[in-house]
Every structure is written in C-alpha cells, then in structure tokens.
C-alpha cells in the first residue's frame, strides 16, 4: 500500500513538473501573466464552448425561432473589426520601419524595453482580435446561415486563436510578426466587404469584387509559407520549429481556400456558360 501511495505521489509530481515546465518555464515571463495567456485551460475551454454552441446549442436554440435580422449590429461589428485591423496593420508598418525589421530572419527581442513590449502588446491585441472573430460564427447561427459554417470556417476560426495564443505565450515578436501584418491587411479588405454587404441591396450591387477576397487570401498563404521557409536556411535565433507548424498550416489553408474558390466561382462560371 505504501509503495502504491509513493508511486501515485511520484506520478502526480511528474505531471505537475511537466505542466510547470511546459506552461510556465518555457513561456515568456513578460506576457504569461496577461489575461487568457497563462493557463491553457482558459483558451481551450473557450474554444470548446465555441464549438459546442455553433454545432449544437446554437442550432437547437434557433430550431423553432425565426432568423434574427442583425444588419445594424453587423455594420457596427464589422466596422470595429476594420478599425482594429487598420490599427494592427499601421502598427506593423511603423514598427517594421522604425525598428528595421529583417524580413529574412528576425529574432525575438526578449528584453523589457519599450520597443519589445510594444511588439508584444501588438501580438496580444492580434490574439484578442482572433477571439473576437468567433462572433462571425455566432452571427451565422443567429441568422440561421448554417451553410456558411463549413469545415474551412470552423478550422480557420478555431485554429487562429490557438496559434495566436501560442505566439503571445512563447514568442511574441520576431519573424512571425509578418504573419499578423499580412493577415491584418487582408482583414481590412475582408471586413470592409462584410460591412458593406450588411448595408443591403443598394450597396451590395457594388460588391462585384467578392471573389478577389479569396484570391487575396490565397496570396496571403503563399507569402506566409515562403516567409516561414526562410527560417530553414537562416539562423538568427528565432525557433526553427515554428516553421514546421506554420508551413503545413499555410499549405492546408491554401488547399481549403482554393477548394472553396474552385467550387464557388470557377464551377459556377462553367455552369453559366
């Protein structure tokens, strides 16, 4: 009995030590105490609740209800997303110019000076923005636009907050700043489109450029892949293992978005002909 107790205590200690090493010692001490960063249970619980709502609870709630008209709310929501994306994009331009960002290989500045903390705060705001974008799917549910809740949509909206969380927690700065910079630019265009689309038919007739949004997103994934690949050939102190996470995701995202583009636009054009 005593041996079993000791064994259980040893196992418990080893789990606690592993947890402490993985989520405390490896983490960036500058950001690890920020809300929704330190304890991984918080963000993973949030994502689990998100999936439960959009796949189960939400559709059941709306089963006997009429779709909500949320146009005014959508105009406001998308306008806020545009504002946040513009701010993040401008921060990226300003910091890249001011701090002479190296697009070939940029290390993380782990110091606590104003420059490095500004970059870390930018990462954190980007992360919070990805969490706020979960509302995209909630609005689909409340409007009963279930056809919009595809695997692509869920993979993107689930994956981005988790990837952003890991970036804020472990390497808030450096080479991967480029991803947030490009993504913010794409989201300026994307949420501007959504904002105009929510304004009704009088404005929607001018949104002929919708399909080019997907083209822009495909270009984003190509740029992300090529930019991350440089880590394999240049050593500046930035963790190379990040490339082995970013590059496969960029390829998978490209495949999913291209498949959507092919079905939504190319095949639709063939049918018209």
C-alpha atoms as a PDB file:
ATOM      1  CA  UNK A   1       0.000   0.000   0.000  1.00  0.00           C
ATOM      2  CA  UNK A   2       2.804   2.401   0.941  1.00  0.00           C
ATOM      3  CA  UNK A   3       4.530   1.636  -2.353  1.00  0.00           C
ATOM      4  CA  UNK A   4       1.340   2.433  -4.297  1.00  0.00           C
ATOM      5  CA  UNK A   5       0.921   5.754  -2.459  1.00  0.00           C
ATOM      6  CA  UNK A   6       4.519   6.720  -3.190  1.00  0.00           C
ATOM      7  CA  UNK A   7       4.043   5.760  -6.829  1.00  0.00           C
ATOM      8  CA  UNK A   8       0.914   7.907  -7.138  1.00  0.00           C
ATOM      9  CA  UNK A   9       2.675  10.844  -5.470  1.00  0.00           C
ATOM     10  CA  UNK A  10       5.597  10.473  -7.859  1.00  0.00           C
ATOM     11  CA  UNK A  11       3.282  10.421 -10.885  1.00  0.00           C
ATOM     12  CA  UNK A  12       1.416  13.475  -9.601  1.00  0.00           C
ATOM     13  CA  UNK A  13       4.670  15.324  -9.045  1.00  0.00           C
ATOM     14  CA  UNK A  14       5.951  14.455 -12.508  1.00  0.00           C
ATOM     15  CA  UNK A  15       2.714  15.726 -14.111  1.00  0.00           C
ATOM     16  CA  UNK A  16       2.921  18.960 -12.118  1.00  0.00           C
ATOM     17  CA  UNK A  17       6.578  19.376 -13.056  1.00  0.00           C
ATOM     18  CA  UNK A  18       5.805  18.783 -16.722  1.00  0.00           C
ATOM     19  CA  UNK A  19       2.912  21.261 -16.588  1.00  0.00           C
ATOM     20  CA  UNK A  20       5.111  23.857 -14.892  1.00  0.00           C
ATOM     21  CA  UNK A  21       7.889  23.358 -17.429  1.00  0.00           C
ATOM     22  CA  UNK A  22       5.602  23.493 -20.459  1.00  0.00           C
ATOM     23  CA  UNK A  23       3.334  26.367 -19.480  1.00  0.00           C
ATOM     24  CA  UNK A  24       5.464  28.442 -17.096  1.00  0.00           C
ATOM     25  CA  UNK A  25       9.205  27.944 -17.606  1.00  0.00           C
ATOM     26  CA  UNK A  26       9.069  27.797 -21.406  1.00  0.00           C
ATOM     27  CA  UNK A  27       6.648  30.733 -21.598  1.00  0.00           C
ATOM     28  CA  UNK A  28       7.648  34.365 -21.994  1.00  0.00           C
ATOM     29  CA  UNK A  29       7.589  35.866 -18.499  1.00  0.00           C
ATOM     30  CA  UNK A  30       6.617  39.258 -19.943  1.00  0.00           C
ATOM     31  CA  UNK A  31       3.275  38.038 -21.307  1.00  0.00           C
ATOM     32  CA  UNK A  32       2.475  34.884 -19.362  1.00  0.00           C
ATOM     33  CA  UNK A  33       0.514  36.763 -16.675  1.00  0.00           C
ATOM     34  CA  UNK A  34      -1.733  38.557 -19.166  1.00  0.00           C
ATOM     35  CA  UNK A  35      -5.448  37.539 -19.275  1.00  0.00           C
ATOM     36  CA  UNK A  36      -6.198  34.417 -21.357  1.00  0.00           C
ATOM     37  CA  UNK A  37      -2.490  33.685 -21.828  1.00  0.00           C
ATOM     38  CA  UNK A  38      -1.070  31.954 -18.743  1.00  0.00           C
ATOM     39  CA  UNK A  39      -3.333  28.969 -18.141  1.00  0.00           C
ATOM     40  CA  UNK A  40      -4.067  26.990 -21.339  1.00  0.00           C
ATOM     41  CA  UNK A  41      -7.302  25.690 -19.807  1.00  0.00           C
ATOM     42  CA  UNK A  42      -8.862  29.125 -20.337  1.00  0.00           C
ATOM     43  CA  UNK A  43      -8.381  29.361 -24.102  1.00  0.00           C
ATOM     44  CA  UNK A  44      -9.075  25.661 -24.734  1.00  0.00           C
ATOM     45  CA  UNK A  45     -12.268  25.867 -22.652  1.00  0.00           C
ATOM     46  CA  UNK A  46     -13.336  28.929 -24.619  1.00  0.00           C
ATOM     47  CA  UNK A  47     -12.772  27.126 -27.914  1.00  0.00           C
ATOM     48  CA  UNK A  48     -14.681  24.070 -26.664  1.00  0.00           C
ATOM     49  CA  UNK A  49     -17.646  26.263 -25.659  1.00  0.00           C
ATOM     50  CA  UNK A  50     -17.482  27.977 -29.052  1.00  0.00           C
ATOM     51  CA  UNK A  51     -17.683  24.666 -30.916  1.00  0.00           C
ATOM     52  CA  UNK A  52     -20.451  23.362 -28.658  1.00  0.00           C
ATOM     53  CA  UNK A  53     -22.525  26.484 -29.267  1.00  0.00           C
ATOM     54  CA  UNK A  54     -22.113  26.710 -33.044  1.00  0.00           C
ATOM     55  CA  UNK A  55     -22.500  22.963 -33.656  1.00  0.00           C
ATOM     56  CA  UNK A  56     -25.093  22.008 -31.040  1.00  0.00           C
ATOM     57  CA  UNK A  57     -26.500  24.501 -28.548  1.00  0.00           C
ATOM     58  CA  UNK A  58     -26.995  27.339 -31.038  1.00  0.00           C
ATOM     59  CA  UNK A  59     -28.866  25.368 -33.732  1.00  0.00           C
ATOM     60  CA  UNK A  60     -31.096  23.830 -31.032  1.00  0.00           C
ATOM     61  CA  UNK A  61     -31.799  27.294 -29.614  1.00  0.00           C
ATOM     62  CA  UNK A  62     -32.754  28.589 -33.073  1.00  0.00           C
ATOM     63  CA  UNK A  63     -34.680  25.492 -34.145  1.00  0.00           C
ATOM     64  CA  UNK A  64     -38.149  26.991 -33.571  1.00  0.00           C
ATOM     65  CA  UNK A  65     -37.131  30.616 -33.961  1.00  0.00           C
ATOM     66  CA  UNK A  66     -37.031  32.876 -36.988  1.00  0.00           C
ATOM     67  CA  UNK A  67     -33.600  34.123 -38.112  1.00  0.00           C
ATOM     68  CA  UNK A  68     -32.614  37.370 -36.435  1.00  0.00           C
ATOM     69  CA  UNK A  69     -32.120  40.485 -38.527  1.00  0.00           C
ATOM     70  CA  UNK A  70     -28.716  41.665 -37.321  1.00  0.00           C
ATOM     71  CA  UNK A  71     -27.782  44.066 -40.105  1.00  0.00           C
ATOM     72  CA  UNK A  72     -27.215  47.073 -37.850  1.00  0.00           C
ATOM     73  CA  UNK A  73     -25.192  45.012 -35.405  1.00  0.00           C
ATOM     74  CA  UNK A  74     -23.169  43.544 -38.274  1.00  0.00           C
ATOM     75  CA  UNK A  75     -22.364  47.000 -39.649  1.00  0.00           C
ATOM     76  CA  UNK A  76     -21.088  48.051 -36.219  1.00  0.00           C
ATOM     77  CA  UNK A  77     -19.239  44.774 -35.585  1.00  0.00           C
ATOM     78  CA  UNK A  78     -17.529  44.720 -38.980  1.00  0.00           C
ATOM     79  CA  UNK A  79     -16.678  48.405 -38.656  1.00  0.00           C
ATOM     80  CA  UNK A  80     -14.912  47.693 -35.358  1.00  0.00           C
ATOM     81  CA  UNK A  81     -13.017  44.802 -36.951  1.00  0.00           C
ATOM     82  CA  UNK A  82     -11.890  47.099 -39.778  1.00  0.00           C
ATOM     83  CA  UNK A  83     -10.687  49.672 -37.247  1.00  0.00           C
ATOM     84  CA  UNK A  84      -8.730  47.064 -35.250  1.00  0.00           C
ATOM     85  CA  UNK A  85      -7.192  45.611 -38.419  1.00  0.00           C
ATOM     86  CA  UNK A  86      -6.166  49.070 -39.658  1.00  0.00           C
ATOM     87  CA  UNK A  87      -4.552  49.797 -36.292  1.00  0.00           C
ATOM     88  CA  UNK A  88      -2.646  46.496 -36.300  1.00  0.00           C
ATOM     89  CA  UNK A  89      -1.544  46.984 -39.907  1.00  0.00           C
ATOM     90  CA  UNK A  90      -0.343  50.519 -39.227  1.00  0.00           C
ATOM     91  CA  UNK A  91       1.491  49.342 -36.107  1.00  0.00           C
ATOM     92  CA  UNK A  92       3.200  46.728 -38.273  1.00  0.00           C
ATOM     93  CA  UNK A  93       4.304  49.319 -40.837  1.00  0.00           C
ATOM     94  CA  UNK A  94       5.517  51.731 -38.182  1.00  0.00           C
ATOM     95  CA  UNK A  95       7.430  49.116 -36.196  1.00  0.00           C
ATOM     96  CA  UNK A  96       8.960  47.484 -39.297  1.00  0.00           C
ATOM     97  CA  UNK A  97      10.227  50.881 -40.450  1.00  0.00           C
ATOM     98  CA  UNK A  98      11.233  52.216 -37.044  1.00  0.00           C
ATOM     99  CA  UNK A  99      12.917  49.040 -35.760  1.00  0.00           C
ATOM    100  CA  UNK A 100      14.314  47.926 -39.165  1.00  0.00           C
ATOM    101  CA  UNK A 101      12.507  44.578 -39.316  1.00  0.00           C
ATOM    102  CA  UNK A 102      14.557  41.894 -41.090  1.00  0.00           C
ATOM    103  CA  UNK A 103      12.200  40.068 -43.463  1.00  0.00           C
ATOM    104  CA  UNK A 104      14.742  37.273 -43.999  1.00  0.00           C
ATOM    105  CA  UNK A 105      15.089  36.263 -40.348  1.00  0.00           C
ATOM    106  CA  UNK A 106      14.080  38.364 -37.350  1.00  0.00           C
ATOM    107  CA  UNK A 107      14.820  37.197 -33.777  1.00  0.00           C
ATOM    108  CA  UNK A 108      12.538  37.833 -30.806  1.00  0.00           C
ATOM    109  CA  UNK A 109      13.644  40.679 -28.565  1.00  0.00           C
ATOM    110  CA  UNK A 110      13.127  39.227 -25.074  1.00  0.00           C
ATOM    111  CA  UNK A 111      14.036  42.441 -23.259  1.00  0.00           C
ATOM    112  CA  UNK A 112      11.519  44.649 -21.459  1.00  0.00           C
ATOM    113  CA  UNK A 113      12.292  47.899 -23.239  1.00  0.00           C
ATOM    114  CA  UNK A 114       9.518  49.970 -24.802  1.00  0.00           C
ATOM    115  CA  UNK A 115      10.174  48.676 -28.325  1.00  0.00           C
ATOM    116  CA  UNK A 116       9.920  44.965 -27.478  1.00  0.00           C
ATOM    117  CA  UNK A 117       6.906  45.497 -25.192  1.00  0.00           C
ATOM    118  CA  UNK A 118       5.150  47.425 -27.945  1.00  0.00           C
ATOM    119  CA  UNK A 119       5.601  44.441 -30.248  1.00  0.00           C
ATOM    120  CA  UNK A 120       4.354  42.064 -27.530  1.00  0.00           C
ATOM    121  CA  UNK A 121       1.260  44.220 -26.964  1.00  0.00           C
ATOM    122  CA  UNK A 122       0.619  44.158 -30.717  1.00  0.00           C
ATOM    123  CA  UNK A 123       0.725  40.362 -30.641  1.00  0.00           C
ATOM    124  CA  UNK A 124      -1.673  40.347 -27.700  1.00  0.00           C
ATOM    125  CA  UNK A 125      -4.184  42.628 -29.432  1.00  0.00           C
ATOM    126  CA  UNK A 126      -3.981  40.426 -32.542  1.00  0.00           C
ATOM    127  CA  UNK A 127      -4.740  37.411 -30.334  1.00  0.00           C
ATOM    128  CA  UNK A 128      -7.750  39.156 -28.743  1.00  0.00           C
ATOM    129  CA  UNK A 129      -8.939  40.126 -32.227  1.00  0.00           C
ATOM    130  CA  UNK A 130      -8.885  36.458 -33.269  1.00  0.00           C
ATOM    131  CA  UNK A 131     -11.016  35.617 -30.229  1.00  0.00           C
ATOM    132  CA  UNK A 132     -13.474  38.398 -31.062  1.00  0.00           C
ATOM    133  CA  UNK A 133     -13.811  36.991 -34.589  1.00  0.00           C
ATOM    134  CA  UNK A 134     -15.543  33.938 -33.131  1.00  0.00           C
ATOM    135  CA  UNK A 135     -18.600  36.190 -33.223  1.00  0.00           C
ATOM    136  CA  UNK A 136     -18.616  35.674 -37.023  1.00  0.00           C
ATOM    137  CA  UNK A 137     -19.918  32.152 -36.477  1.00  0.00           C
ATOM    138  CA  UNK A 138     -22.284  33.140 -33.669  1.00  0.00           C
ATOM    139  CA  UNK A 139     -23.931  35.607 -36.056  1.00  0.00           C
ATOM    140  CA  UNK A 140     -24.265  32.844 -38.674  1.00  0.00           C
ATOM    141  CA  UNK A 141     -26.104  30.708 -36.115  1.00  0.00           C
ATOM    142  CA  UNK A 142     -28.423  33.524 -35.001  1.00  0.00           C
ATOM    143  CA  UNK A 143     -29.214  34.299 -38.662  1.00  0.00           C
ATOM    144  CA  UNK A 144     -29.571  30.554 -39.425  1.00  0.00           C
ATOM    145  CA  UNK A 145     -26.923  30.771 -42.142  1.00  0.00           C
ATOM    146  CA  UNK A 146     -25.767  27.233 -41.416  1.00  0.00           C
ATOM    147  CA  UNK A 147     -24.421  26.756 -44.945  1.00  0.00           C
ATOM    148  CA  UNK A 148     -21.690  29.270 -44.033  1.00  0.00           C
ATOM    149  CA  UNK A 149     -20.470  27.147 -41.115  1.00  0.00           C
ATOM    150  CA  UNK A 150     -18.194  24.904 -43.159  1.00  0.00           C
ATOM    151  CA  UNK A 151     -15.160  22.864 -42.137  1.00  0.00           C
ATOM    152  CA  UNK A 152     -12.999  25.637 -43.615  1.00  0.00           C
ATOM    153  CA  UNK A 153     -14.735  28.264 -41.487  1.00  0.00           C
ATOM    154  CA  UNK A 154     -14.507  26.248 -38.264  1.00  0.00           C
ATOM    155  CA  UNK A 155     -10.903  25.172 -38.827  1.00  0.00           C
ATOM    156  CA  UNK A 156      -9.870  28.754 -39.505  1.00  0.00           C
ATOM    157  CA  UNK A 157     -11.791  30.282 -36.588  1.00  0.00           C
ATOM    158  CA  UNK A 158     -10.651  27.584 -34.158  1.00  0.00           C
ATOM    159  CA  UNK A 159      -7.044  27.405 -35.305  1.00  0.00           C
ATOM    160  CA  UNK A 160      -6.215  31.110 -35.434  1.00  0.00           C
ATOM    161  CA  UNK A 161      -6.952  31.879 -31.748  1.00  0.00           C
ATOM    162  CA  UNK A 162      -4.903  28.844 -30.661  1.00  0.00           C
ATOM    163  CA  UNK A 163      -1.963  29.723 -32.913  1.00  0.00           C
ATOM    164  CA  UNK A 164      -2.133  33.350 -31.773  1.00  0.00           C
ATOM    165  CA  UNK A 165      -2.253  32.233 -28.130  1.00  0.00           C
ATOM    166  CA  UNK A 166       0.909  30.172 -28.560  1.00  0.00           C
ATOM    167  CA  UNK A 167       2.632  33.116 -30.255  1.00  0.00           C
ATOM    168  CA  UNK A 168       1.792  35.519 -27.408  1.00  0.00           C
ATOM    169  CA  UNK A 169       2.752  32.969 -24.783  1.00  0.00           C
ATOM    170  CA  UNK A 170       6.042  31.702 -26.216  1.00  0.00           C
ATOM    171  CA  UNK A 171       7.449  34.081 -28.881  1.00  0.00           C
ATOM    172  CA  UNK A 172       5.652  37.473 -29.000  1.00  0.00           C
ATOM    173  CA  UNK A 173       7.720  39.130 -31.690  1.00  0.00           C
ATOM    174  CA  UNK A 174      10.343  38.322 -34.263  1.00  0.00           C
ATOM    175  CA  UNK A 175       9.870  36.509 -37.551  1.00  0.00           C
ATOM    176  CA  UNK A 176       6.190  35.583 -37.157  1.00  0.00           C
ATOM    177  CA  UNK A 177       5.239  39.271 -36.865  1.00  0.00           C
ATOM    178  CA  UNK A 178       4.991  39.158 -40.650  1.00  0.00           C
ATOM    179  CA  UNK A 179       2.012  36.777 -40.443  1.00  0.00           C
ATOM    180  CA  UNK A 180      -0.006  39.169 -38.312  1.00  0.00           C
ATOM    181  CA  UNK A 181       0.960  42.084 -40.541  1.00  0.00           C
ATOM    182  CA  UNK A 182      -0.258  40.412 -43.749  1.00  0.00           C
ATOM    183  CA  UNK A 183      -3.339  38.940 -42.066  1.00  0.00           C
ATOM    184  CA  UNK A 184      -4.361  42.356 -40.739  1.00  0.00           C
ATOM    185  CA  UNK A 185      -4.171  43.838 -44.242  1.00  0.00           C
ATOM    186  CA  UNK A 186      -6.358  41.047 -45.635  1.00  0.00           C
ATOM    187  CA  UNK A 187      -8.862  41.562 -42.828  1.00  0.00           C
ATOM    188  CA  UNK A 188      -9.140  45.279 -43.583  1.00  0.00           C
ATOM    189  CA  UNK A 189     -10.427  44.377 -47.054  1.00  0.00           C
ATOM    190  CA  UNK A 190     -12.486  41.410 -45.859  1.00  0.00           C
ATOM    191  CA  UNK A 191     -14.365  43.138 -43.043  1.00  0.00           C
ATOM    192  CA  UNK A 192     -14.891  46.221 -45.205  1.00  0.00           C
ATOM    193  CA  UNK A 193     -16.656  43.935 -47.669  1.00  0.00           C
ATOM    194  CA  UNK A 194     -18.769  42.375 -44.892  1.00  0.00           C
ATOM    195  CA  UNK A 195     -19.666  45.816 -43.547  1.00  0.00           C
ATOM    196  CA  UNK A 196     -20.856  46.988 -46.964  1.00  0.00           C
ATOM    197  CA  UNK A 197     -22.713  43.710 -47.565  1.00  0.00           C
ATOM    198  CA  UNK A 198     -24.699  44.252 -44.346  1.00  0.00           C
ATOM    199  CA  UNK A 199     -25.916  47.618 -45.672  1.00  0.00           C
ATOM    200  CA  UNK A 200     -28.389  45.956 -48.024  1.00  0.00           C
ATOM    201  CA  UNK A 201     -29.070  45.596 -51.766  1.00  0.00           C
ATOM    202  CA  UNK A 202     -28.359  49.249 -52.603  1.00  0.00           C
ATOM    203  CA  UNK A 203     -24.732  48.759 -51.609  1.00  0.00           C
ATOM    204  CA  UNK A 204     -24.370  45.051 -52.389  1.00  0.00           C
ATOM    205  CA  UNK A 205     -24.662  45.669 -56.134  1.00  0.00           C
ATOM    206  CA  UNK A 206     -21.253  47.364 -55.991  1.00  0.00           C
ATOM    207  CA  UNK A 207     -19.567  44.363 -54.352  1.00  0.00           C
ATOM    208  CA  UNK A 208     -18.615  42.641 -57.604  1.00  0.00           C
ATOM    209  CA  UNK A 209     -15.093  42.142 -56.271  1.00  0.00           C
ATOM    210  CA  UNK A 210     -16.070  39.473 -53.710  1.00  0.00           C
ATOM    211  CA  UNK A 211     -14.192  36.632 -55.417  1.00  0.00           C
ATOM    212  CA  UNK A 212     -10.950  38.614 -55.277  1.00  0.00           C
ATOM    213  CA  UNK A 213     -11.076  38.372 -51.484  1.00  0.00           C
ATOM    214  CA  UNK A 214     -10.374  34.653 -51.769  1.00  0.00           C
ATOM    215  CA  UNK A 215      -7.570  35.367 -54.253  1.00  0.00           C
ATOM    216  CA  UNK A 216      -6.068  37.763 -51.720  1.00  0.00           C
ATOM    217  CA  UNK A 217      -6.294  35.103 -49.013  1.00  0.00           C
ATOM    218  CA  UNK A 218      -4.577  32.559 -51.263  1.00  0.00           C
ATOM    219  CA  UNK A 219      -1.763  35.048 -51.839  1.00  0.00           C
ATOM    220  CA  UNK A 220      -1.528  35.509 -48.075  1.00  0.00           C
ATOM    221  CA  UNK A 221      -0.890  31.802 -47.513  1.00  0.00           C
ATOM    222  CA  UNK A 222       1.765  31.717 -50.244  1.00  0.00           C
ATOM    223  CA  UNK A 223       3.548  34.663 -48.657  1.00  0.00           C
ATOM    224  CA  UNK A 224       3.293  33.102 -45.199  1.00  0.00           C
ATOM    225  CA  UNK A 225       4.732  29.807 -46.450  1.00  0.00           C
ATOM    226  CA  UNK A 226       7.665  31.413 -48.276  1.00  0.00           C
ATOM    227  CA  UNK A 227       8.436  33.798 -45.436  1.00  0.00           C
ATOM    228  CA  UNK A 228       8.447  30.989 -42.844  1.00  0.00           C
ATOM    229  CA  UNK A 229      10.542  28.738 -45.091  1.00  0.00           C
ATOM    230  CA  UNK A 230      13.429  31.188 -44.774  1.00  0.00           C
ATOM    231  CA  UNK A 231      13.893  30.019 -41.176  1.00  0.00           C
ATOM    232  CA  UNK A 232      15.157  26.703 -42.547  1.00  0.00           C
ATOM    233  CA  UNK A 233      18.084  28.431 -44.275  1.00  0.00           C
ATOM    234  CA  UNK A 234      18.890  31.315 -41.934  1.00  0.00           C
ATOM    235  CA  UNK A 235      19.702  31.173 -38.235  1.00  0.00           C
ATOM    236  CA  UNK A 236      19.005  34.357 -36.285  1.00  0.00           C
ATOM    237  CA  UNK A 237      17.975  32.766 -33.003  1.00  0.00           C
ATOM    238  CA  UNK A 238      14.282  32.538 -33.861  1.00  0.00           C
ATOM    239  CA  UNK A 239      12.966  28.996 -33.120  1.00  0.00           C
ATOM    240  CA  UNK A 240      13.028  26.998 -36.344  1.00  0.00           C
ATOM    241  CA  UNK A 241      10.375  24.572 -35.118  1.00  0.00           C
ATOM    242  CA  UNK A 242       7.816  27.346 -35.675  1.00  0.00           C
ATOM    243  CA  UNK A 243       8.324  26.903 -39.426  1.00  0.00           C
ATOM    244  CA  UNK A 244       7.258  23.255 -39.130  1.00  0.00           C
ATOM    245  CA  UNK A 245       3.948  24.423 -37.662  1.00  0.00           C
ATOM    246  CA  UNK A 246       3.317  27.440 -39.879  1.00  0.00           C
ATOM    247  CA  UNK A 247       4.262  25.910 -43.235  1.00  0.00           C
ATOM    248  CA  UNK A 248       1.959  22.835 -43.146  1.00  0.00           C
ATOM    249  CA  UNK A 249      -0.874  25.049 -41.882  1.00  0.00           C
ATOM    250  CA  UNK A 250      -0.282  27.500 -44.728  1.00  0.00           C
ATOM    251  CA  UNK A 251      -0.471  24.623 -47.237  1.00  0.00           C
ATOM    252  CA  UNK A 252      -3.637  23.230 -45.638  1.00  0.00           C
ATOM    253  CA  UNK A 253      -5.292  26.646 -45.510  1.00  0.00           C
ATOM    254  CA  UNK A 254      -4.350  27.197 -49.164  1.00  0.00           C
ATOM    255  CA  UNK A 255      -5.921  23.872 -50.134  1.00  0.00           C
ATOM    256  CA  UNK A 256      -9.145  24.630 -48.225  1.00  0.00           C
ATOM    257  CA  UNK A 257      -9.498  28.157 -49.611  1.00  0.00           C
ATOM    258  CA  UNK A 258      -8.642  27.071 -53.143  1.00  0.00           C
ATOM    259  CA  UNK A 259     -11.233  24.306 -52.925  1.00  0.00           C
ATOM    260  CA  UNK A 260     -13.797  26.898 -51.825  1.00  0.00           C
ATOM    261  CA  UNK A 261     -12.753  29.239 -54.653  1.00  0.00           C
ATOM    262  CA  UNK A 262     -12.986  26.432 -57.205  1.00  0.00           C
ATOM    263  CA  UNK A 263     -16.485  25.407 -56.107  1.00  0.00           C
ATOM    264  CA  UNK A 264     -17.861  28.895 -55.528  1.00  0.00           C
ATOM    265  CA  UNK A 265     -16.524  30.726 -58.585  1.00  0.00           C
ATOM    266  CA  UNK A 266     -14.861  28.532 -61.228  1.00  0.00           C
ATOM    267  CA  UNK A 267     -17.561  25.853 -61.354  1.00  0.00           C
ATOM    268  CA  UNK A 268     -20.279  28.485 -61.068  1.00  0.00           C
ATOM    269  CA  UNK A 269     -18.834  30.206 -64.153  1.00  0.00           C
ATOM    270  CA  UNK A 270     -18.787  26.904 -66.078  1.00  0.00           C
ATOM    271  CA  UNK A 271     -22.456  26.283 -65.227  1.00  0.00           C
ATOM    272  CA  UNK A 272     -23.430  29.744 -66.507  1.00  0.00           C
ATOM    273  CA  UNK A 273     -21.603  29.071 -69.777  1.00  0.00           C
END
